[in-house]
Structures are given as structure tokens and as C-alpha cells.
Amino acid sequence: MKILLKTGAWIGFGLTLIPALLVWSGVINLDMNKTLMLLGTVIWFVCAPFAFKRKV
């Protein structure tokens, strides 16, 4: 389960960063960028707190 959460968190992180580079290079348009970045942000904030929490 932890591997699935970490994978989801990294996919969300990638969906937050990569679309900006794709818009800059002209591969995708701004509307697709906004959609992908929103999806990546939601995935990141759902998965990351559970995947990367520390044991105190």
C-alpha cells in the first residue's frame, strides 16, 4: 500500500511540473496545462501526506 501511495504522490508531483514545461515548449495549450496541473495537485495532496509521513 505504501508503494502505491508513493507512486501516486510522485505521479502527482510530475503532473504538477511537466505540463508547465510542455506549454513552454509549445506541445500543449494553456487549458490542457491547467487541467493537468489541477489533477496533479489533487493527486499530490491526497497521496503525499500518507506516503511520506514520519514516525515520531
C-alpha atoms as a PDB file:
ATOM      1  CA  MET A   1       0.000   0.000   0.000  1.00  0.00           C
ATOM      2  CA  LYS A   2       2.834   2.391   0.845  1.00  0.00           C
ATOM      3  CA  ILE A   3       4.460   1.790  -2.554  1.00  0.00           C
ATOM      4  CA  LEU A   4       1.165   2.624  -4.266  1.00  0.00           C
ATOM      5  CA  LEU A   5       0.851   5.858  -2.277  1.00  0.00           C
ATOM      6  CA  LYS A   6       4.439   6.879  -3.046  1.00  0.00           C
ATOM      7  CA  THR A   7       3.946   6.137  -6.731  1.00  0.00           C
ATOM      8  CA  GLY A   8       0.752   8.186  -6.747  1.00  0.00           C
ATOM      9  CA  ALA A   9       2.484  11.060  -4.979  1.00  0.00           C
ATOM     10  CA  TRP A  10       5.339  11.123  -7.497  1.00  0.00           C
ATOM     11  CA  ILE A  11       2.892  10.940 -10.419  1.00  0.00           C
ATOM     12  CA  GLY A  12       1.011  13.879  -8.931  1.00  0.00           C
ATOM     13  CA  PHE A  13       4.272  15.777  -8.493  1.00  0.00           C
ATOM     14  CA  GLY A  14       5.167  15.087 -12.117  1.00  0.00           C
ATOM     15  CA  LEU A  15       1.746  16.238 -13.292  1.00  0.00           C
ATOM     16  CA  THR A  16       2.348  19.468 -11.443  1.00  0.00           C
ATOM     17  CA  LEU A  17       5.725  20.213 -13.044  1.00  0.00           C
ATOM     18  CA  ILE A  18       5.824  18.634 -16.503  1.00  0.00           C
ATOM     19  CA  PRO A  19       2.806  20.440 -18.063  1.00  0.00           C
ATOM     20  CA  ALA A  20       4.464  23.821 -17.450  1.00  0.00           C
ATOM     21  CA  LEU A  21       7.455  22.679 -19.493  1.00  0.00           C
ATOM     22  CA  LEU A  22       5.192  21.332 -22.208  1.00  0.00           C
ATOM     23  CA  VAL A  23       3.379  24.675 -22.507  1.00  0.00           C
ATOM     24  CA  TRP A  24       6.712  26.487 -22.637  1.00  0.00           C
ATOM     25  CA  SER A  25       7.884  24.254 -25.481  1.00  0.00           C
ATOM     26  CA  GLY A  26       4.536  24.618 -27.300  1.00  0.00           C
ATOM     27  CA  VAL A  27       3.432  20.981 -27.100  1.00  0.00           C
ATOM     28  CA  ILE A  28       0.166  21.587 -25.204  1.00  0.00           C
ATOM     29  CA  ASN A  29      -2.078  24.606 -24.794  1.00  0.00           C
ATOM     30  CA  LEU A  30      -2.776  26.561 -21.631  1.00  0.00           C
ATOM     31  CA  ASP A  31      -6.175  24.962 -20.961  1.00  0.00           C
ATOM     32  CA  MET A  32      -4.679  21.456 -21.000  1.00  0.00           C
ATOM     33  CA  ASN A  33      -1.902  22.728 -18.726  1.00  0.00           C
ATOM     34  CA  LYS A  34      -4.410  23.988 -16.164  1.00  0.00           C
ATOM     35  CA  THR A  35      -6.315  20.702 -16.219  1.00  0.00           C
ATOM     36  CA  LEU A  36      -3.208  18.543 -15.801  1.00  0.00           C
ATOM     37  CA  MET A  37      -1.748  20.736 -13.067  1.00  0.00           C
ATOM     38  CA  LEU A  38      -5.024  20.709 -11.123  1.00  0.00           C
ATOM     39  CA  LEU A  39      -5.197  16.928 -11.407  1.00  0.00           C
ATOM     40  CA  GLY A  40      -1.564  16.617 -10.299  1.00  0.00           C
ATOM     41  CA  THR A  41      -2.125  18.915  -7.329  1.00  0.00           C
ATOM     42  CA  VAL A  42      -5.142  16.945  -6.135  1.00  0.00           C
ATOM     43  CA  ILE A  43      -3.308  13.624  -6.505  1.00  0.00           C
ATOM     44  CA  TRP A  44      -0.246  15.020  -4.677  1.00  0.00           C
ATOM     45  CA  PHE A  45      -2.229  16.370  -1.715  1.00  0.00           C
ATOM     46  CA  VAL A  46      -4.211  13.142  -1.386  1.00  0.00           C
ATOM     47  CA  CYS A  47      -1.240  10.747  -1.548  1.00  0.00           C
ATOM     48  CA  ALA A  48       1.780  12.619  -0.161  1.00  0.00           C
ATOM     49  CA  PRO A  49       0.711  13.054   3.478  1.00  0.00           C
ATOM     50  CA  PHE A  50       0.202   9.305   3.836  1.00  0.00           C
ATOM     51  CA  ALA A  51       3.179   8.230   1.728  1.00  0.00           C
ATOM     52  CA  PHE A  52       5.842  10.446   3.294  1.00  0.00           C
ATOM     53  CA  LYS A  53       4.738  10.819   6.912  1.00  0.00           C
ATOM     54  CA  ARG A  54       7.355  10.347   9.579  1.00  0.00           C
ATOM     55  CA  LYS A  55       7.106   8.212  12.638  1.00  0.00           C
ATOM     56  CA  VAL A  56       7.760  10.374  15.669  1.00  0.00           C
END
